Structures are given as structure tokens and as C-alpha cells.
């Protein structure tokens, strides 16, 4: 049986900052560094597990201009992972990580600056 080829996961600076900010929020505001570490491990495992093999299975973010740019969304427990896929390079680019319910368009616009 053929082993499917994996996609490499790459994080933008914005996505890394999003992850760092949320982990800090959990650790400082909720005063729970163990919960912050658990959230971080679960998020990274979700991204790796869900996007390494079939990244196109998740829907496009159905708002212009993001849809036309191929931005997709993976929903986890409380977060939305915004990403794009470079099929030719077999790479997934994590563009941002937001708490569910946040204005995704505004977040994406902020990541462009």
C-alpha cells in the first residue's frame, strides 16, 4: 500500500504571535500555566494531525478576498485555525489562530500589515 505524502506545516509570524498571546492569556489571566501548556500541545497536535495529510478537506473561508486566496479554516474545540495550502510545494501555511466567535476577517486584515 502506498504511503500518502505528508504536507509540511509552516507557521507565519502572525500565527506564532497568535499562539503565544493565547497561551500567555491562559497562563496569566486564568492563572493556569498547566492549562496553557495543555492547550498549546492540543492545538499543535490538531494542526499536525489534521493538516499533514488532507489539508484540502476543510472549507474555504467563504468571504472575499480570502476565499479567492484559498484561505481555509479548521475548527478545533475553541479555536479557528486559518491556513492556506501550496499544493506544488506540499506545504500548509498557518496564517492565524483565533478564538471562536472572533471576527475572522478583521483578524486576517490585521495580519496583512
PDB file of N, CA and C in Angstrom:
ATOM      1  N   UNK A   1       0.838  -1.183   0.000  1.00  0.00           N
ATOM      2  CA  UNK A   1       0.000   0.000   0.000  1.00  0.00           C
ATOM      3  C   UNK A   1       0.882   1.247   0.000  1.00  0.00           C
ATOM      4  N   UNK A   2       0.524   2.224  -0.799  1.00  0.00           N
ATOM      5  CA  UNK A   2       1.270   3.477  -0.872  1.00  0.00           C
ATOM      6  C   UNK A   2       1.069   4.304   0.385  1.00  0.00           C
ATOM      7  N   UNK A   3       2.153   4.852   0.883  1.00  0.00           N
ATOM      8  CA  UNK A   3       2.047   5.799   1.989  1.00  0.00           C
ATOM      9  C   UNK A   3       1.775   7.174   1.407  1.00  0.00           C
ATOM     10  N   UNK A   4       0.714   7.832   1.866  1.00  0.00           N
ATOM     11  CA  UNK A   4       0.469   9.181   1.344  1.00  0.00           C
ATOM     12  C   UNK A   4       1.583  10.123   1.793  1.00  0.00           C
ATOM     13  N   UNK A   5       1.931  11.033   0.921  1.00  0.00           N
ATOM     14  CA  UNK A   5       2.972  12.003   1.264  1.00  0.00           C
ATOM     15  C   UNK A   5       2.411  13.068   2.183  1.00  0.00           C
ATOM     16  N   UNK A   6       3.186  13.405   3.154  1.00  0.00           N
ATOM     17  CA  UNK A   6       2.786  14.416   4.130  1.00  0.00           C
ATOM     18  C   UNK A   6       3.000  15.826   3.591  1.00  0.00           C
ATOM     19  N   UNK A   7       2.227  16.731   4.127  1.00  0.00           N
ATOM     20  CA  UNK A   7       2.427  18.150   3.887  1.00  0.00           C
ATOM     21  C   UNK A   7       3.249  18.702   5.061  1.00  0.00           C
ATOM     22  N   UNK A   8       4.160  19.590   4.759  1.00  0.00           N
ATOM     23  CA  UNK A   8       4.935  20.261   5.789  1.00  0.00           C
ATOM     24  C   UNK A   8       4.109  21.424   6.329  1.00  0.00           C
ATOM     25  N   UNK A   9       4.092  21.577   7.638  1.00  0.00           N
ATOM     26  CA  UNK A   9       3.358  22.664   8.268  1.00  0.00           C
ATOM     27  C   UNK A   9       4.322  23.817   8.530  1.00  0.00           C
ATOM     28  N   UNK A  10       3.962  25.006   8.063  1.00  0.00           N
ATOM     29  CA  UNK A  10       4.754  26.215   8.281  1.00  0.00           C
ATOM     30  C   UNK A  10       3.867  27.246   8.981  1.00  0.00           C
ATOM     31  N   UNK A  11       4.437  27.956   9.927  1.00  0.00           N
ATOM     32  CA  UNK A  11       3.709  28.975  10.681  1.00  0.00           C
ATOM     33  C   UNK A  11       4.194  30.361  10.294  1.00  0.00           C
ATOM     34  N   UNK A  12       3.257  31.257  10.011  1.00  0.00           N
ATOM     35  CA  UNK A  12       3.631  32.650   9.772  1.00  0.00           C
ATOM     36  C   UNK A  12       3.954  33.291  11.115  1.00  0.00           C
ATOM     37  N   UNK A  13       4.621  34.424  11.070  1.00  0.00           N
ATOM     38  CA  UNK A  13       4.922  35.157  12.302  1.00  0.00           C
ATOM     39  C   UNK A  13       3.627  35.529  13.021  1.00  0.00           C
ATOM     40  N   UNK A  14       2.615  35.902  12.263  1.00  0.00           N
ATOM     41  CA  UNK A  14       1.326  36.262  12.849  1.00  0.00           C
ATOM     42  C   UNK A  14       0.726  35.083  13.604  1.00  0.00           C
ATOM     43  N   UNK A  15       0.759  33.903  13.013  1.00  0.00           N
ATOM     44  CA  UNK A  15       0.206  32.718  13.671  1.00  0.00           C
ATOM     45  C   UNK A  15       0.976  32.400  14.946  1.00  0.00           C
ATOM     46  N   UNK A  16       2.299  32.495  14.895  1.00  0.00           N
ATOM     47  CA  UNK A  16       3.098  32.235  16.091  1.00  0.00           C
ATOM     48  C   UNK A  16       2.775  33.241  17.198  1.00  0.00           C
ATOM     49  N   UNK A  17       2.568  34.489  16.814  1.00  0.00           N
ATOM     50  CA  UNK A  17       2.198  35.511  17.786  1.00  0.00           C
ATOM     51  C   UNK A  17       0.810  35.227  18.366  1.00  0.00           C
ATOM     52  N   UNK A  18      -0.127  34.811  17.518  1.00  0.00           N
ATOM     53  CA  UNK A  18      -1.475  34.454  17.990  1.00  0.00           C
ATOM     54  C   UNK A  18      -1.396  33.360  19.053  1.00  0.00           C
ATOM     55  N   UNK A  19      -0.617  32.339  18.766  1.00  0.00           N
ATOM     56  CA  UNK A  19      -0.494  31.197  19.679  1.00  0.00           C
ATOM     57  C   UNK A  19       0.163  31.635  20.984  1.00  0.00           C
ATOM     58  N   UNK A  20       1.208  32.424  20.870  1.00  0.00           N
ATOM     59  CA  UNK A  20       1.912  32.909  22.064  1.00  0.00           C
ATOM     60  C   UNK A  20       0.983  33.773  22.923  1.00  0.00           C
ATOM     61  N   UNK A  21       0.226  34.665  22.279  1.00  0.00           N
ATOM     62  CA  UNK A  21      -0.674  35.547  23.022  1.00  0.00           C
ATOM     63  C   UNK A  21      -1.756  34.760  23.760  1.00  0.00           C
ATOM     64  N   UNK A  22      -2.317  33.751  23.097  1.00  0.00           N
ATOM     65  CA  UNK A  22      -3.376  32.989  23.764  1.00  0.00           C
ATOM     66  C   UNK A  22      -2.802  32.156  24.904  1.00  0.00           C
ATOM     67  N   UNK A  23      -1.652  31.560  24.721  1.00  0.00           N
ATOM     68  CA  UNK A  23      -1.030  30.785  25.802  1.00  0.00           C
ATOM     69  C   UNK A  23      -0.720  31.689  26.989  1.00  0.00           C
ATOM     70  N   UNK A  24      -0.219  32.890  26.713  1.00  0.00           N
ATOM     71  CA  UNK A  24       0.060  33.848  27.790  1.00  0.00           C
ATOM     72  C   UNK A  24      -1.229  34.261  28.495  1.00  0.00           C
ATOM     73  N   UNK A  25      -2.294  34.474  27.733  1.00  0.00           N
ATOM     74  CA  UNK A  25      -3.579  34.847  28.323  1.00  0.00           C
ATOM     75  C   UNK A  25      -4.048  33.759  29.298  1.00  0.00           C
ATOM     76  N   UNK A  26      -3.997  32.524  28.847  1.00  0.00           N
ATOM     77  CA  UNK A  26      -4.433  31.413  29.703  1.00  0.00           C
ATOM     78  C   UNK A  26      -3.568  31.347  30.958  1.00  0.00           C
ATOM     79  N   UNK A  27      -2.273  31.455  30.773  1.00  0.00           N
ATOM     80  CA  UNK A  27      -1.350  31.343  31.913  1.00  0.00           C
ATOM     81  C   UNK A  27      -1.485  32.506  32.891  1.00  0.00           C
ATOM     82  N   UNK A  28      -1.630  33.734  32.359  1.00  0.00           N
ATOM     83  CA  UNK A  28      -1.625  34.901  33.236  1.00  0.00           C
ATOM     84  C   UNK A  28      -3.019  35.295  33.715  1.00  0.00           C
ATOM     85  N   UNK A  29      -3.952  35.434  32.782  1.00  0.00           N
ATOM     86  CA  UNK A  29      -5.289  35.883  33.162  1.00  0.00           C
ATOM     87  C   UNK A  29      -6.071  34.804  33.904  1.00  0.00           C
ATOM     88  N   UNK A  30      -5.929  33.573  33.446  1.00  0.00           N
ATOM     89  CA  UNK A  30      -6.629  32.475  34.108  1.00  0.00           C
ATOM     90  C   UNK A  30      -5.778  31.847  35.211  1.00  0.00           C
ATOM     91  N   UNK A  31      -4.532  32.301  35.289  1.00  0.00           N
ATOM     92  CA  UNK A  31      -3.590  31.832  36.314  1.00  0.00           C
ATOM     93  C   UNK A  31      -3.446  30.300  36.311  1.00  0.00           C
ATOM     94  N   UNK A  32      -3.259  29.781  35.084  1.00  0.00           N
ATOM     95  CA  UNK A  32      -3.168  28.323  34.963  1.00  0.00           C
ATOM     96  C   UNK A  32      -2.155  27.953  33.883  1.00  0.00           C
ATOM     97  N   UNK A  33      -0.891  27.880  34.278  1.00  0.00           N
ATOM     98  CA  UNK A  33       0.158  27.574  33.300  1.00  0.00           C
ATOM     99  C   UNK A  33       0.053  26.135  32.795  1.00  0.00           C
ATOM    100  N   UNK A  34      -0.458  25.224  33.615  1.00  0.00           N
ATOM    101  CA  UNK A  34      -0.634  23.838  33.160  1.00  0.00           C
ATOM    102  C   UNK A  34      -1.696  23.776  32.068  1.00  0.00           C
ATOM    103  N   UNK A  35      -2.774  24.541  32.238  1.00  0.00           N
ATOM    104  CA  UNK A  35      -3.824  24.593  31.219  1.00  0.00           C
ATOM    105  C   UNK A  35      -3.292  25.219  29.934  1.00  0.00           C
ATOM    106  N   UNK A  36      -2.461  26.248  30.055  1.00  0.00           N
ATOM    107  CA  UNK A  36      -1.861  26.885  28.877  1.00  0.00           C
ATOM    108  C   UNK A  36      -0.997  25.883  28.108  1.00  0.00           C
ATOM    109  N   UNK A  37      -0.208  25.107  28.830  1.00  0.00           N
ATOM    110  CA  UNK A  37       0.642  24.096  28.184  1.00  0.00           C
ATOM    111  C   UNK A  37      -0.207  23.014  27.534  1.00  0.00           C
ATOM    112  N   UNK A  38      -1.265  22.610  28.193  1.00  0.00           N
ATOM    113  CA  UNK A  38      -2.169  21.597  27.636  1.00  0.00           C
ATOM    114  C   UNK A  38      -2.838  22.124  26.362  1.00  0.00           C
ATOM    115  N   UNK A  39      -3.308  23.378  26.404  1.00  0.00           N
ATOM    116  CA  UNK A  39      -3.928  23.988  25.228  1.00  0.00           C
ATOM    117  C   UNK A  39      -2.941  24.025  24.064  1.00  0.00           C
ATOM    118  N   UNK A  40      -1.713  24.435  24.337  1.00  0.00           N
ATOM    119  CA  UNK A  40      -0.680  24.530  23.308  1.00  0.00           C
ATOM    120  C   UNK A  40      -0.421  23.161  22.671  1.00  0.00           C
ATOM    121  N   UNK A  41      -0.231  22.139  23.494  1.00  0.00           N
ATOM    122  CA  UNK A  41       0.028  20.787  22.959  1.00  0.00           C
ATOM    123  C   UNK A  41      -1.150  20.286  22.122  1.00  0.00           C
ATOM    124  N   UNK A  42      -2.366  20.511  22.609  1.00  0.00           N
ATOM    125  CA  UNK A  42      -3.558  20.054  21.888  1.00  0.00           C
ATOM    126  C   UNK A  42      -3.708  20.785  20.551  1.00  0.00           C
ATOM    127  N   UNK A  43      -3.449  22.097  20.547  1.00  0.00           N
ATOM    128  CA  UNK A  43      -3.545  22.877  19.315  1.00  0.00           C
ATOM    129  C   UNK A  43      -2.539  22.374  18.285  1.00  0.00           C
ATOM    130  N   UNK A  44      -1.273  22.235  18.696  1.00  0.00           N
ATOM    131  CA  UNK A  44      -0.236  21.770  17.765  1.00  0.00           C
ATOM    132  C   UNK A  44      -0.535  20.363  17.252  1.00  0.00           C
ATOM    133  N   UNK A  45      -1.036  19.494  18.111  1.00  0.00           N
ATOM    134  CA  UNK A  45      -1.379  18.126  17.704  1.00  0.00           C
ATOM    135  C   UNK A  45      -2.536  18.142  16.710  1.00  0.00           C
ATOM    136  N   UNK A  46      -3.518  19.010  16.921  1.00  0.00           N
ATOM    137  CA  UNK A  46      -4.644  19.122  15.987  1.00  0.00           C
ATOM    138  C   UNK A  46      -4.173  19.587  14.625  1.00  0.00           C
ATOM    139  N   UNK A  47      -3.343  20.599  14.620  1.00  0.00           N
ATOM    140  CA  UNK A  47      -2.828  21.131  13.356  1.00  0.00           C
ATOM    141  C   UNK A  47      -2.034  20.056  12.626  1.00  0.00           C
ATOM    142  N   UNK A  48      -1.110  19.427  13.315  1.00  0.00           N
ATOM    143  CA  UNK A  48      -0.271  18.400  12.695  1.00  0.00           C
ATOM    144  C   UNK A  48      -1.120  17.217  12.223  1.00  0.00           C
ATOM    145  N   UNK A  49      -2.006  16.757  13.075  1.00  0.00           N
ATOM    146  CA  UNK A  49      -2.807  15.581  12.752  1.00  0.00           C
ATOM    147  C   UNK A  49      -3.815  15.815  11.645  1.00  0.00           C
ATOM    148  N   UNK A  50      -4.431  16.973  11.640  1.00  0.00           N
ATOM    149  CA  UNK A  50      -5.495  17.242  10.677  1.00  0.00           C
ATOM    150  C   UNK A  50      -4.998  17.774   9.340  1.00  0.00           C
ATOM    151  N   UNK A  51      -3.893  18.481   9.331  1.00  0.00           N
ATOM    152  CA  UNK A  51      -3.477  19.164   8.101  1.00  0.00           C
ATOM    153  C   UNK A  51      -2.277  18.548   7.397  1.00  0.00           C
ATOM    154  N   UNK A  52      -1.645  17.572   7.991  1.00  0.00           N
ATOM    155  CA  UNK A  52      -0.456  16.963   7.379  1.00  0.00           C
ATOM    156  C   UNK A  52      -0.769  16.094   6.168  1.00  0.00           C
ATOM    157  N   UNK A  53      -1.960  15.508   6.135  1.00  0.00           N
ATOM    158  CA  UNK A  53      -2.267  14.571   5.047  1.00  0.00           C
ATOM    159  C   UNK A  53      -3.367  15.036   4.103  1.00  0.00           C
ATOM    160  N   UNK A  54      -4.430  15.608   4.625  1.00  0.00           N
ATOM    161  CA  UNK A  54      -5.555  16.012   3.774  1.00  0.00           C
ATOM    162  C   UNK A  54      -5.968  17.449   4.063  1.00  0.00           C
ATOM    163  N   UNK A  55      -5.118  18.404   3.795  1.00  0.00           N
ATOM    164  CA  UNK A  55      -5.432  19.787   4.176  1.00  0.00           C
ATOM    165  C   UNK A  55      -6.578  20.411   3.384  1.00  0.00           C
ATOM    166  N   UNK A  56      -6.921  19.846   2.240  1.00  0.00           N
ATOM    167  CA  UNK A  56      -7.992  20.432   1.439  1.00  0.00           C
ATOM    168  C   UNK A  56      -9.383  19.985   1.882  1.00  0.00           C
ATOM    169  N   UNK A  57      -9.455  19.120   2.891  1.00  0.00           N
ATOM    170  CA  UNK A  57     -10.760  18.624   3.316  1.00  0.00           C
ATOM    171  C   UNK A  57     -11.566  19.647   4.114  1.00  0.00           C
ATOM    172  N   UNK A  58     -10.909  20.690   4.595  1.00  0.00           N
ATOM    173  CA  UNK A  58     -11.612  21.711   5.370  1.00  0.00           C
ATOM    174  C   UNK A  58     -12.065  22.840   4.461  1.00  0.00           C
ATOM    175  N   UNK A  59     -13.148  23.525   4.839  1.00  0.00           N
ATOM    176  CA  UNK A  59     -13.756  24.511   3.936  1.00  0.00           C
ATOM    177  C   UNK A  59     -12.929  25.780   3.774  1.00  0.00           C
ATOM    178  N   UNK A  60     -13.164  26.403   2.625  1.00  0.00           N
ATOM    179  CA  UNK A  60     -12.609  27.730   2.398  1.00  0.00           C
ATOM    180  C   UNK A  60     -13.331  28.714   3.310  1.00  0.00           C
ATOM    181  N   UNK A  61     -12.640  29.738   3.725  1.00  0.00           N
ATOM    182  CA  UNK A  61     -13.278  30.828   4.464  1.00  0.00           C
ATOM    183  C   UNK A  61     -14.054  31.619   3.428  1.00  0.00           C
ATOM    184  N   UNK A  62     -15.365  31.525   3.480  1.00  0.00           N
ATOM    185  CA  UNK A  62     -16.251  31.976   2.404  1.00  0.00           C
ATOM    186  C   UNK A  62     -16.508  33.488   2.420  1.00  0.00           C
ATOM    187  N   UNK A  63     -15.439  34.259   2.497  1.00  0.00           N
ATOM    188  CA  UNK A  63     -15.534  35.717   2.482  1.00  0.00           C
ATOM    189  C   UNK A  63     -14.433  36.224   1.555  1.00  0.00           C
ATOM    190  N   UNK A  64     -14.806  37.152   0.654  1.00  0.00           N
ATOM    191  CA  UNK A  64     -13.807  37.747  -0.240  1.00  0.00           C
ATOM    192  C   UNK A  64     -12.974  38.755   0.535  1.00  0.00           C
ATOM    193  N   UNK A  65     -11.726  38.899   0.223  1.00  0.00           N
ATOM    194  CA  UNK A  65     -10.934  38.242  -0.812  1.00  0.00           C
ATOM    195  C   UNK A  65     -10.283  36.940  -0.351  1.00  0.00           C
ATOM    196  N   UNK A  66     -10.570  36.505   0.876  1.00  0.00           N
ATOM    197  CA  UNK A  66      -9.892  35.358   1.460  1.00  0.00           C
ATOM    198  C   UNK A  66     -10.219  34.057   0.738  1.00  0.00           C
ATOM    199  N   UNK A  67     -11.477  33.917   0.323  1.00  0.00           N
ATOM    200  CA  UNK A  67     -11.864  32.704  -0.403  1.00  0.00           C
ATOM    201  C   UNK A  67     -11.048  32.575  -1.691  1.00  0.00           C
ATOM    202  N   UNK A  68     -10.925  33.671  -2.418  1.00  0.00           N
ATOM    203  CA  UNK A  68     -10.180  33.660  -3.672  1.00  0.00           C
ATOM    204  C   UNK A  68      -8.690  33.410  -3.446  1.00  0.00           C
ATOM    205  N   UNK A  69      -8.206  33.720  -2.282  1.00  0.00           N
ATOM    206  CA  UNK A  69      -6.792  33.490  -1.948  1.00  0.00           C
ATOM    207  C   UNK A  69      -6.557  32.085  -1.398  1.00  0.00           C
ATOM    208  N   UNK A  70      -7.644  31.304  -1.291  1.00  0.00           N
ATOM    209  CA  UNK A  70      -7.505  29.922  -0.844  1.00  0.00           C
ATOM    210  C   UNK A  70      -7.368  29.741   0.653  1.00  0.00           C
ATOM    211  N   UNK A  71      -7.807  30.731   1.428  1.00  0.00           N
ATOM    212  CA  UNK A  71      -7.723  30.613   2.881  1.00  0.00           C
ATOM    213  C   UNK A  71      -8.803  29.646   3.364  1.00  0.00           C
ATOM    214  N   UNK A  72      -8.381  28.685   4.167  1.00  0.00           N
ATOM    215  CA  UNK A  72      -9.273  27.656   4.705  1.00  0.00           C
ATOM    216  C   UNK A  72      -9.328  27.768   6.218  1.00  0.00           C
ATOM    217  N   UNK A  73     -10.304  27.073   6.810  1.00  0.00           N
ATOM    218  CA  UNK A  73     -10.453  27.115   8.256  1.00  0.00           C
ATOM    219  C   UNK A  73     -10.633  25.726   8.834  1.00  0.00           C
ATOM    220  N   UNK A  74      -9.899  25.480   9.882  1.00  0.00           N
ATOM    221  CA  UNK A  74     -10.027  24.260  10.673  1.00  0.00           C
ATOM    222  C   UNK A  74     -10.544  24.690  12.033  1.00  0.00           C
ATOM    223  N   UNK A  75     -11.679  24.130  12.440  1.00  0.00           N
ATOM    224  CA  UNK A  75     -12.250  24.441  13.747  1.00  0.00           C
ATOM    225  C   UNK A  75     -11.811  23.386  14.739  1.00  0.00           C
ATOM    226  N   UNK A  76     -11.316  23.845  15.878  1.00  0.00           N
ATOM    227  CA  UNK A  76     -10.975  22.938  16.973  1.00  0.00           C
ATOM    228  C   UNK A  76     -11.940  23.241  18.112  1.00  0.00           C
ATOM    229  N   UNK A  77     -11.670  22.763  19.272  1.00  0.00           N
ATOM    230  CA  UNK A  77     -12.574  22.988  20.412  1.00  0.00           C
ATOM    231  C   UNK A  77     -13.027  24.434  20.530  1.00  0.00           C
ATOM    232  N   UNK A  78     -12.096  25.331  20.755  1.00  0.00           N
ATOM    233  CA  UNK A  78     -12.438  26.741  20.959  1.00  0.00           C
ATOM    234  C   UNK A  78     -11.715  27.678  20.008  1.00  0.00           C
ATOM    235  N   UNK A  79     -11.049  27.129  19.025  1.00  0.00           N
ATOM    236  CA  UNK A  79     -10.225  27.956  18.155  1.00  0.00           C
ATOM    237  C   UNK A  79     -10.525  27.703  16.683  1.00  0.00           C
ATOM    238  N   UNK A  80     -10.163  28.701  15.886  1.00  0.00           N
ATOM    239  CA  UNK A  80     -10.237  28.605  14.433  1.00  0.00           C
ATOM    240  C   UNK A  80      -8.814  28.770  13.918  1.00  0.00           C
ATOM    241  N   UNK A  81      -8.370  27.807  13.132  1.00  0.00           N
ATOM    242  CA  UNK A  81      -7.051  27.886  12.519  1.00  0.00           C
ATOM    243  C   UNK A  81      -7.258  28.285  11.065  1.00  0.00           C
ATOM    244  N   UNK A  82      -6.677  29.395  10.669  1.00  0.00           N
ATOM    245  CA  UNK A  82      -6.775  29.900   9.310  1.00  0.00           C
ATOM    246  C   UNK A  82      -5.488  29.525   8.589  1.00  0.00           C
ATOM    247  N   UNK A  83      -5.631  28.925   7.416  1.00  0.00           N
ATOM    248  CA  UNK A  83      -4.433  28.431   6.721  1.00  0.00           C
ATOM    249  C   UNK A  83      -4.646  28.411   5.219  1.00  0.00           C
ATOM    250  N   UNK A  84      -3.544  28.276   4.497  1.00  0.00           N
ATOM    251  CA  UNK A  84      -3.589  28.093   3.046  1.00  0.00           C
ATOM    252  C   UNK A  84      -2.674  26.928   2.691  1.00  0.00           C
ATOM    253  N   UNK A  85      -2.862  26.418   1.478  1.00  0.00           N
ATOM    254  CA  UNK A  85      -2.123  25.234   1.046  1.00  0.00           C
ATOM    255  C   UNK A  85      -1.396  25.536  -0.260  1.00  0.00           C
ATOM    256  N   UNK A  86      -0.122  25.178  -0.317  1.00  0.00           N
ATOM    257  CA  UNK A  86       0.658  25.248  -1.557  1.00  0.00           C
ATOM    258  C   UNK A  86       0.825  23.806  -2.035  1.00  0.00           C
ATOM    259  N   UNK A  87      -0.056  23.402  -2.949  1.00  0.00           N
ATOM    260  CA  UNK A  87      -0.046  22.012  -3.420  1.00  0.00           C
ATOM    261  C   UNK A  87       1.283  21.636  -4.059  1.00  0.00           C
ATOM    262  N   UNK A  88       1.830  22.545  -4.868  1.00  0.00           N
ATOM    263  CA  UNK A  88       3.075  22.249  -5.580  1.00  0.00           C
ATOM    264  C   UNK A  88       4.254  22.015  -4.632  1.00  0.00           C
ATOM    265  N   UNK A  89       4.236  22.664  -3.478  1.00  0.00           N
ATOM    266  CA  UNK A  89       5.320  22.518  -2.504  1.00  0.00           C
ATOM    267  C   UNK A  89       4.964  21.532  -1.390  1.00  0.00           C
ATOM    268  N   UNK A  90       3.698  21.075  -1.384  1.00  0.00           N
ATOM    269  CA  UNK A  90       3.184  20.200  -0.325  1.00  0.00           C
ATOM    270  C   UNK A  90       3.405  20.836   1.044  1.00  0.00           C
ATOM    271  N   UNK A  91       2.989  22.112   1.119  1.00  0.00           N
ATOM    272  CA  UNK A  91       3.129  22.855   2.366  1.00  0.00           C
ATOM    273  C   UNK A  91       1.804  23.481   2.766  1.00  0.00           C
ATOM    274  N   UNK A  92       1.583  23.531   4.067  1.00  0.00           N
ATOM    275  CA  UNK A  92       0.429  24.198   4.656  1.00  0.00           C
ATOM    276  C   UNK A  92       0.978  25.384   5.437  1.00  0.00           C
ATOM    277  N   UNK A  93       0.410  26.550   5.186  1.00  0.00           N
ATOM    278  CA  UNK A  93       0.833  27.769   5.864  1.00  0.00           C
ATOM    279  C   UNK A  93      -0.236  28.173   6.876  1.00  0.00           C
ATOM    280  N   UNK A  94       0.100  28.120   8.144  1.00  0.00           N
ATOM    281  CA  UNK A  94      -0.819  28.541   9.194  1.00  0.00           C
ATOM    282  C   UNK A  94      -0.736  30.069   9.250  1.00  0.00           C
ATOM    283  N   UNK A  95      -1.857  30.713   8.945  1.00  0.00           N
ATOM    284  CA  UNK A  95      -1.892  32.170   8.839  1.00  0.00           C
ATOM    285  C   UNK A  95      -2.303  32.851  10.136  1.00  0.00           C
ATOM    286  N   UNK A  96      -3.136  32.167  10.902  1.00  0.00           N
ATOM    287  CA  UNK A  96      -3.607  32.763  12.132  1.00  0.00           C
ATOM    288  C   UNK A  96      -4.366  31.755  12.970  1.00  0.00           C
ATOM    289  N   UNK A  97      -4.452  32.031  14.256  1.00  0.00           N
ATOM    290  CA  UNK A  97      -5.210  31.202  15.187  1.00  0.00           C
ATOM    291  C   UNK A  97      -6.044  32.158  16.028  1.00  0.00           C
ATOM    292  N   UNK A  98      -7.371  31.957  15.992  1.00  0.00           N
ATOM    293  CA  UNK A  98      -8.291  32.853  16.694  1.00  0.00           C
ATOM    294  C   UNK A  98      -9.222  32.047  17.585  1.00  0.00           C
ATOM    295  N   UNK A  99      -9.683  32.677  18.641  1.00  0.00           N
ATOM    296  CA  UNK A  99     -10.723  32.080  19.461  1.00  0.00           C
ATOM    297  C   UNK A  99     -12.025  32.112  18.667  1.00  0.00           C
ATOM    298  N   UNK A 100     -12.798  31.037  18.735  1.00  0.00           N
ATOM    299  CA  UNK A 100     -14.093  31.004  18.047  1.00  0.00           C
ATOM    300  C   UNK A 100     -14.935  32.199  18.458  1.00  0.00           C
ATOM    301  N   UNK A 101     -15.677  32.726  17.495  1.00  0.00           N
ATOM    302  CA  UNK A 101     -16.531  33.867  17.763  1.00  0.00           C
ATOM    303  C   UNK A 101     -15.861  35.202  17.464  1.00  0.00           C
ATOM    304  N   UNK A 102     -14.569  35.174  17.241  1.00  0.00           N
ATOM    305  CA  UNK A 102     -13.838  36.396  16.903  1.00  0.00           C
ATOM    306  C   UNK A 102     -14.092  36.749  15.438  1.00  0.00           C
ATOM    307  N   UNK A 103     -13.967  38.002  15.080  1.00  0.00           N
ATOM    308  CA  UNK A 103     -14.161  38.469  13.709  1.00  0.00           C
ATOM    309  C   UNK A 103     -12.956  38.022  12.872  1.00  0.00           C
ATOM    310  N   UNK A 104     -13.151  36.971  12.083  1.00  0.00           N
ATOM    311  CA  UNK A 104     -12.035  36.393  11.321  1.00  0.00           C
ATOM    312  C   UNK A 104     -11.517  37.337  10.240  1.00  0.00           C
ATOM    313  N   UNK A 105     -12.421  38.049   9.583  1.00  0.00           N
ATOM    314  CA  UNK A 105     -11.999  38.981   8.537  1.00  0.00           C
ATOM    315  C   UNK A 105     -11.117  40.062   9.132  1.00  0.00           C
ATOM    316  N   UNK A 106     -11.525  40.593  10.251  1.00  0.00           N
ATOM    317  CA  UNK A 106     -10.726  41.636  10.911  1.00  0.00           C
ATOM    318  C   UNK A 106      -9.369  41.086  11.319  1.00  0.00           C
ATOM    319  N   UNK A 107      -9.353  39.862  11.795  1.00  0.00           N
ATOM    320  CA  UNK A 107      -8.091  39.249  12.194  1.00  0.00           C
ATOM    321  C   UNK A 107      -7.168  39.065  10.983  1.00  0.00           C
ATOM    322  N   UNK A 108      -7.714  38.587   9.886  1.00  0.00           N
ATOM    323  CA  UNK A 108      -6.898  38.401   8.677  1.00  0.00           C
ATOM    324  C   UNK A 108      -6.392  39.735   8.148  1.00  0.00           C
ATOM    325  N   UNK A 109      -7.242  40.759   8.189  1.00  0.00           N
ATOM    326  CA  UNK A 109      -6.807  42.079   7.735  1.00  0.00           C
ATOM    327  C   UNK A 109      -5.672  42.590   8.594  1.00  0.00           C
ATOM    328  N   UNK A 110      -5.735  42.345   9.886  1.00  0.00           N
ATOM    329  CA  UNK A 110      -4.678  42.773  10.787  1.00  0.00           C
ATOM    330  C   UNK A 110      -3.370  42.055  10.539  1.00  0.00           C
ATOM    331  N   UNK A 111      -3.446  40.835  10.008  1.00  0.00           N
ATOM    332  CA  UNK A 111      -2.233  40.061   9.767  1.00  0.00           C
ATOM    333  C   UNK A 111      -1.524  40.484   8.496  1.00  0.00           C
ATOM    334  N   UNK A 112      -2.187  41.290   7.663  1.00  0.00           N
ATOM    335  CA  UNK A 112      -1.577  41.741   6.412  1.00  0.00           C
ATOM    336  C   UNK A 112      -0.608  42.908   6.623  1.00  0.00           C
ATOM    337  N   UNK A 113      -0.786  43.626   7.709  1.00  0.00           N
ATOM    338  CA  UNK A 113       0.060  44.817   7.898  1.00  0.00           C
ATOM    339  C   UNK A 113       1.444  44.473   8.356  1.00  0.00           C
TER     340      UNK A 113
END
